[in-house]
Amino acid sequence: MENNSPAFKARLGLFIFIGLAIFVIAIFYIGKQQNLFNPVFKVTANYFNVSGLQVGNNVRFSGINVGIVDKISIINDSTVQVDMLIRKNVQEFIKADSEAAIGSSGIIGDRIVIIAQGSNNAATVIDGQRIRSIEPVETDAIIASLQVTASSAEVITNQLAEIMENINSGKGMLGRLIVDSTIAENVNQTIANFMKSSEGLDETIEVTKENVFEFMEKLQLTVAKTEIASNALGEIMVKINSGEGTLGMLIQDTTMAYNLDRTLINLKQSTRGLDENMEALKHNIFFRGYFRKQAEQKELERKQQEKATPAKQDSITAPGEP
């Protein structure tokens, strides 16, 4: 086929057109990924260790890719600055107190920057502002921690295996409980005895409840009777305070109390006059002999009583003498 033939020229033109189309599509796709055709703003964050983060890695906000890592530069021996380009249309959602953490797009995926949501009342982040950062967790540290955990789990597993072996061989209390049937029978017998004791305890509690109920009924009856007696006593006290009855009149009626007092005085005076009359009769010639005989009779009875008293004392002490 000649190079100047129409077919060759057509094929060459088609190849060039397809190549240019692929190139334009690639430029457009890469530009879109790198935010070359979208308005962007810049934020920065400082880290001690970026843990493999590279320029061009994605920046995510709320799980959506919103920008890329534009530049990574070492500021000093302990600080690495990461510059990020983020699309302008999400600026209003990123707050000044948002935090930037370094994570992974998967279990073994590329490293990415994840911007957390800030508080609602915080100000919107501005172009070129530095936001707070969260240090990434190194994979080596995770593996080291897993190794320590695995070692501890191995020790625990060995100890557990040893314990189970001792139990199966009948060592220890638990092993004896499992292997020795005599101990199991004793435990069953103890449980049975405890159940019987529980039944007796239930009966005792039931009888106690019945006695308590009976006592409460009697107590309620006593309280009712006491209330009736209190009411009756209250009525009596009301009548007494109002001057009804003899006792009420004695307490409330001052005239009757005065008369009673005068009667007692007169009775005392009459008693004194009676004593004087009796004394006068003793000295009267007609009654003098009678009172003298009465005095002699009393003196004779006194002497007989004095003679009888020592005789009783001798009869009491005589049996004890040798």
Protein backbone atom coordinates (compact mmCIF):
# COMPACT_ATOMS: atom_id res chain seq x y z
CA MET A 1 0.00 0.00 0.00
CA GLU A 2 1.35 3.39 -1.01
CA ASN A 3 1.85 6.06 1.65
CA ASN A 4 0.12 8.67 -0.48
CA SER A 5 -2.95 6.60 -1.20
CA PRO A 6 -6.33 7.89 0.04
CA ALA A 7 -6.91 4.82 2.24
CA PHE A 8 -3.64 5.29 4.07
CA LYS A 9 -4.33 8.96 4.65
CA ALA A 10 -7.79 8.16 5.98
CA ARG A 11 -6.42 5.58 8.39
CA LEU A 12 -3.69 7.97 9.54
CA GLY A 13 -6.18 10.75 10.13
CA LEU A 14 -8.47 8.41 12.10
CA PHE A 15 -5.57 7.25 14.28
CA ILE A 16 -4.51 10.84 15.00
CA PHE A 17 -8.09 11.80 15.83
CA ILE A 18 -8.53 8.88 18.25
CA GLY A 19 -5.21 9.70 19.91
CA LEU A 20 -6.14 13.34 20.34
CA ALA A 21 -9.54 12.33 21.77
CA ILE A 22 -7.90 10.00 24.29
CA PHE A 23 -5.40 12.71 25.20
CA VAL A 24 -8.15 15.30 25.73
CA ILE A 25 -10.20 12.87 27.81
CA ALA A 26 -7.16 11.98 29.92
CA ILE A 27 -6.33 15.66 30.47
CA PHE A 28 -9.91 16.37 31.44
CA TYR A 29 -10.06 13.40 33.81
CA ILE A 30 -6.74 14.18 35.44
CA GLY A 31 -7.65 17.86 35.68
CA LYS A 32 -10.90 16.97 37.34
CA GLN A 33 -9.15 14.69 39.79
CA GLN A 34 -6.57 17.36 40.54
CA ASN A 35 -9.20 20.13 40.69
CA LEU A 36 -7.52 21.99 37.81
CA PHE A 37 -10.81 23.18 36.38
CA ASN A 38 -12.67 23.88 39.66
CA PRO A 39 -12.22 26.85 42.04
CA VAL A 40 -10.37 25.68 45.15
CA PHE A 41 -9.13 27.02 48.49
CA LYS A 42 -6.17 25.98 50.58
CA VAL A 43 -5.94 24.60 54.15
CA THR A 44 -2.90 23.27 55.98
CA ALA A 45 -2.25 20.90 58.88
CA ASN A 46 0.92 19.97 60.76
CA TYR A 47 1.91 16.42 61.74
CA PHE A 48 4.79 14.70 63.46
CA ASN A 49 4.53 11.81 61.00
CA VAL A 50 2.46 11.63 57.79
CA SER A 51 2.71 7.81 57.72
CA GLY A 52 3.25 7.40 53.98
CA LEU A 53 0.95 10.19 52.77
CA GLN A 54 1.90 11.41 49.28
CA VAL A 55 1.16 14.42 47.09
CA GLY A 56 -1.95 13.79 45.04
CA ASN A 57 -3.70 11.62 47.63
CA ASN A 58 -7.36 12.38 48.19
CA VAL A 59 -8.86 14.55 50.90
CA ARG A 60 -12.24 13.37 52.20
CA PHE A 61 -14.99 15.16 54.05
CA SER A 62 -18.05 13.21 55.27
CA GLY A 63 -16.86 10.25 53.19
CA ILE A 64 -16.67 12.26 49.93
CA ASN A 65 -13.52 13.15 48.01
CA VAL A 66 -13.43 16.97 48.11
CA GLY A 67 -9.78 17.72 47.34
CA ILE A 68 -6.20 16.51 47.07
CA VAL A 69 -2.93 16.79 48.92
CA ASP A 70 -1.08 19.58 47.11
CA LYS A 71 2.24 19.74 48.94
CA ILE A 72 4.10 18.00 51.76
CA SER A 73 7.04 19.86 53.27
CA ILE A 74 9.26 19.33 56.30
CA ILE A 75 9.20 22.41 58.55
CA ASN A 76 11.65 21.17 61.17
CA ASP A 77 12.85 17.94 62.77
CA SER A 78 9.47 17.28 64.40
CA THR A 79 6.91 18.95 62.11
CA VAL A 80 5.64 18.11 58.64
CA GLN A 81 3.25 20.53 56.94
CA VAL A 82 0.58 19.19 54.59
CA ASP A 83 -1.09 21.62 52.18
CA MET A 84 -4.49 20.60 50.81
CA LEU A 85 -6.53 22.00 47.94
CA ILE A 86 -10.27 21.65 48.54
CA ARG A 87 -13.16 22.52 46.24
CA LYS A 88 -14.68 25.90 46.89
CA ASN A 89 -18.27 24.59 46.96
CA VAL A 90 -17.66 22.66 50.23
CA GLN A 91 -15.89 25.48 52.08
CA GLU A 92 -19.05 26.54 53.89
CA PHE A 93 -19.37 23.09 55.47
CA ILE A 94 -15.83 22.92 56.88
CA LYS A 95 -15.49 24.73 60.22
CA ALA A 96 -12.50 26.37 61.81
CA ASP A 97 -12.48 23.76 64.60
CA SER A 98 -12.51 20.79 62.20
CA GLU A 99 -9.71 18.24 62.57
CA ALA A 100 -7.67 16.53 59.84
CA ALA A 101 -6.63 12.93 60.39
CA ILE A 102 -4.56 10.64 58.16
CA GLY A 103 -6.25 7.35 57.35
CA SER A 104 -6.50 4.74 54.60
CA SER A 105 -8.97 4.35 51.77
CA GLY A 106 -9.16 0.66 52.62
CA ILE A 107 -7.41 -2.04 54.62
CA ILE A 108 -4.34 -1.82 52.38
CA GLY A 109 -5.35 1.21 50.28
CA ASP A 110 -3.63 4.54 49.73
CA ARG A 111 -3.27 7.01 52.56
CA ILE A 112 -5.81 9.86 52.58
CA VAL A 113 -6.59 12.90 54.69
CA ILE A 114 -9.96 12.74 56.46
CA ILE A 115 -11.43 16.06 57.63
CA ALA A 116 -13.88 15.68 60.52
CA GLN A 117 -16.98 17.85 60.86
CA GLY A 118 -16.69 20.76 63.27
CA SER A 119 -19.26 22.27 65.62
CA ASN A 120 -22.29 24.07 64.20
CA ASN A 121 -21.62 27.37 65.99
CA ALA A 122 -17.98 27.59 64.84
CA ALA A 123 -16.84 29.93 62.05
CA THR A 124 -16.26 28.72 58.49
CA VAL A 125 -12.67 27.91 57.57
CA ILE A 126 -10.91 30.53 55.42
CA ASP A 127 -8.40 30.19 52.59
CA GLY A 128 -4.92 29.34 53.87
CA GLN A 129 -6.08 28.56 57.43
CA ARG A 130 -4.32 25.92 59.51
CA ILE A 131 -6.65 23.40 61.15
CA ARG A 132 -5.95 20.99 63.96
CA SER A 133 -4.52 17.58 63.13
CA ILE A 134 -4.81 14.06 64.55
CA GLU A 135 -1.69 11.91 64.38
CA PRO A 136 -2.09 8.67 62.40
CA VAL A 137 -1.71 5.25 63.93
CA GLU A 138 1.28 3.44 62.47
CA THR A 139 0.75 -0.03 61.05
CA ASP A 140 3.89 -1.21 62.80
CA ALA A 141 2.48 -0.10 66.15
CA ILE A 142 -0.74 -1.97 65.45
CA ILE A 143 1.19 -5.10 64.52
CA ALA A 144 3.35 -4.81 67.66
CA SER A 145 0.23 -4.46 69.78
CA LEU A 146 -1.30 -7.49 68.08
CA GLN A 147 1.87 -9.45 68.78
CA VAL A 148 1.67 -8.58 72.48
CA THR A 149 -2.01 -9.52 72.53
CA ALA A 150 -1.26 -12.79 70.75
CA SER A 151 1.47 -13.61 73.28
CA SER A 152 -0.89 -12.91 76.18
CA ALA A 153 -3.59 -15.01 74.53
CA GLU A 154 -1.11 -17.86 74.10
CA VAL A 155 -0.19 -17.74 77.81
CA ILE A 156 -3.87 -17.69 78.78
CA THR A 157 -4.62 -20.59 76.44
CA ASN A 158 -1.77 -22.66 77.92
CA GLN A 159 -2.95 -21.96 81.46
CA LEU A 160 -6.54 -22.80 80.53
CA ALA A 161 -5.42 -26.05 78.93
CA GLU A 162 -3.48 -26.97 82.07
CA ILE A 163 -6.51 -26.21 84.26
CA MET A 164 -8.78 -28.34 82.07
CA GLU A 165 -6.26 -31.19 82.18
CA ASN A 166 -6.19 -31.03 86.00
CA ILE A 167 -9.99 -31.02 86.12
CA ASN A 168 -10.24 -34.01 83.79
CA SER A 169 -7.71 -35.91 85.91
CA GLY A 170 -9.74 -35.23 89.08
CA LYS A 171 -7.35 -32.77 90.71
CA GLY A 172 -8.69 -29.97 92.87
CA MET A 173 -12.18 -29.43 94.25
CA LEU A 174 -13.75 -28.86 90.83
CA GLY A 175 -12.08 -31.97 89.42
CA ARG A 176 -13.31 -34.06 92.34
CA LEU A 177 -16.81 -32.71 91.90
CA ILE A 178 -16.75 -33.76 88.24
CA VAL A 179 -14.94 -37.10 88.54
CA ASP A 180 -15.84 -38.38 92.02
CA SER A 181 -19.44 -39.65 92.03
CA THR A 182 -19.51 -39.83 95.86
CA ILE A 183 -19.14 -36.07 96.18
CA ALA A 184 -21.86 -35.59 93.58
CA GLU A 185 -24.20 -37.86 95.59
CA ASN A 186 -23.41 -35.93 98.77
CA VAL A 187 -24.16 -32.67 96.99
CA ASN A 188 -27.47 -34.08 95.74
CA GLN A 189 -28.33 -35.30 99.25
CA THR A 190 -27.47 -31.89 100.69
CA ILE A 191 -29.70 -30.20 98.13
CA ALA A 192 -32.53 -32.62 98.96
CA ASN A 193 -32.15 -31.92 102.70
CA PHE A 194 -32.13 -28.21 102.01
CA MET A 195 -35.35 -28.56 100.02
CA LYS A 196 -36.97 -30.42 102.92
CA SER A 197 -35.79 -27.74 105.33
CA SER A 198 -37.22 -25.14 103.01
CA GLU A 199 -40.59 -26.90 103.06
CA GLY A 200 -40.55 -26.95 106.87
CA LEU A 201 -39.55 -23.32 106.91
CA ASP A 202 -42.45 -22.49 104.60
CA GLU A 203 -44.86 -24.27 106.97
CA THR A 204 -43.39 -22.39 109.95
CA ILE A 205 -43.75 -19.10 108.12
CA GLU A 206 -47.36 -19.94 107.25
CA VAL A 207 -48.18 -20.76 110.90
CA THR A 208 -46.42 -17.60 112.02
CA LYS A 209 -48.47 -15.57 109.56
CA GLU A 210 -51.69 -17.08 110.93
CA ASN A 211 -50.63 -16.27 114.51
CA VAL A 212 -49.70 -12.75 113.49
CA PHE A 213 -53.06 -12.27 111.78
CA GLU A 214 -54.87 -13.56 114.89
CA PHE A 215 -52.83 -11.27 117.12
CA MET A 216 -53.59 -8.29 114.86
CA GLU A 217 -57.33 -9.06 114.99
CA LYS A 218 -57.23 -9.18 118.81
CA LEU A 219 -55.19 -6.00 118.87
CA GLN A 220 -57.72 -4.26 116.62
CA LEU A 221 -60.55 -5.43 118.95
CA THR A 222 -58.65 -4.11 121.98
CA VAL A 223 -58.05 -0.82 120.24
CA ALA A 224 -61.75 -0.58 119.43
CA LYS A 225 -62.70 -1.23 123.07
CA THR A 226 -60.12 1.28 124.23
CA GLU A 227 -61.56 3.84 121.86
CA ILE A 228 -65.08 3.20 123.26
CA ALA A 229 -63.79 3.55 126.84
CA SER A 230 -61.94 6.73 125.90
CA ASN A 231 -65.08 8.18 124.37
CA ALA A 232 -67.13 7.28 127.49
CA LEU A 233 -64.46 8.77 129.75
CA GLY A 234 -64.46 11.89 127.60
CA GLU A 235 -68.25 12.22 127.99
CA ILE A 236 -67.90 11.82 131.78
CA MET A 237 -65.20 14.48 131.93
CA VAL A 238 -67.38 16.81 129.83
CA LYS A 239 -70.28 16.33 132.26
CA ILE A 240 -68.01 16.89 135.25
CA ASN A 241 -66.57 20.05 133.73
CA SER A 242 -70.10 21.26 133.00
CA GLY A 243 -71.15 20.69 136.65
CA GLU A 244 -73.48 17.75 136.09
CA GLY A 245 -73.82 15.08 138.80
CA THR A 246 -72.57 15.04 142.36
CA LEU A 247 -68.88 15.04 141.42
CA GLY A 248 -69.45 17.86 138.96
CA MET A 249 -71.25 19.88 141.60
CA LEU A 250 -68.44 19.23 144.09
CA ILE A 251 -65.90 20.54 141.56
CA GLN A 252 -67.87 23.37 139.93
CA ASP A 253 -70.39 24.48 142.63
CA THR A 254 -68.52 26.67 145.13
CA THR A 255 -71.58 26.93 147.46
CA MET A 256 -71.76 23.19 147.92
CA ALA A 257 -68.03 23.02 148.50
CA TYR A 258 -68.36 25.75 151.13
CA ASN A 259 -71.20 23.87 152.86
CA LEU A 260 -69.21 20.66 152.84
CA ASP A 261 -66.26 22.46 154.35
CA ARG A 262 -68.49 23.93 157.10
CA THR A 263 -69.94 20.49 157.80
CA LEU A 264 -66.47 19.03 158.28
CA ILE A 265 -65.57 21.87 160.65
CA ASN A 266 -68.73 21.30 162.66
CA LEU A 267 -68.10 17.57 162.75
CA LYS A 268 -64.59 18.20 164.06
CA GLN A 269 -65.95 20.50 166.76
CA SER A 270 -68.60 17.92 167.71
CA THR A 271 -65.92 15.25 168.01
CA ARG A 272 -63.88 17.51 170.28
CA GLY A 273 -66.99 18.12 172.49
CA LEU A 274 -67.71 14.40 172.62
CA ASP A 275 -64.16 13.75 173.86
CA GLU A 276 -64.67 16.34 176.60
CA ASN A 277 -67.99 14.74 177.64
CA MET A 278 -66.37 11.30 177.84
CA GLU A 279 -63.61 12.72 180.01
CA ALA A 280 -66.21 14.30 182.28
CA LEU A 281 -68.09 10.98 182.60
CA LYS A 282 -64.87 9.30 183.71
CA HIS A 283 -64.76 11.64 186.72
CA ASN A 284 -68.50 11.40 187.47
CA ILE A 285 -69.32 9.54 190.68
CA PHE A 286 -71.88 7.33 188.92
CA PHE A 287 -69.58 6.22 186.09
CA ARG A 288 -66.22 6.32 187.88
CA GLY A 289 -66.45 2.66 188.97
CA TYR A 290 -67.27 1.51 185.45
CA PHE A 291 -64.26 3.20 183.91
CA ARG A 292 -62.01 1.94 186.74
CA LYS A 293 -63.08 -1.66 186.08
CA GLN A 294 -62.41 -1.17 182.39
CA ALA A 295 -58.89 0.08 183.15
CA GLU A 296 -58.19 -2.84 185.54
CA GLN A 297 -59.43 -5.35 182.91
CA LYS A 298 -57.10 -3.89 180.26
CA GLU A 299 -54.13 -3.99 182.66
CA LEU A 300 -54.84 -7.65 183.49
CA GLU A 301 -54.99 -8.59 179.79
CA ARG A 302 -51.72 -6.80 179.20
CA LYS A 303 -49.93 -8.73 181.95
CA GLN A 304 -51.28 -12.06 180.71
CA GLN A 305 -50.05 -11.27 177.25
CA GLU A 306 -46.55 -10.44 178.59
CA LYS A 307 -46.41 -13.77 180.45
CA ALA A 308 -47.50 -15.70 177.38
CA THR A 309 -44.88 -14.17 175.09
CA PRO A 310 -41.72 -15.59 176.91
CA ALA A 311 -43.32 -19.05 177.03
CA LYS A 312 -43.75 -19.06 173.24
CA GLN A 313 -40.12 -18.02 172.78
CA ASP A 314 -38.92 -20.91 175.03
CA SER A 315 -40.96 -23.43 173.06
CA ILE A 316 -39.43 -22.21 169.79
CA THR A 317 -35.77 -22.40 170.93
CA ALA A 318 -36.07 -25.67 172.94
CA PRO A 319 -35.79 -28.19 170.06
CA GLY A 320 -32.47 -26.76 168.90
CA GLU A 321 -30.74 -27.04 172.29
CA PRO A 322 -28.36 -30.04 172.94
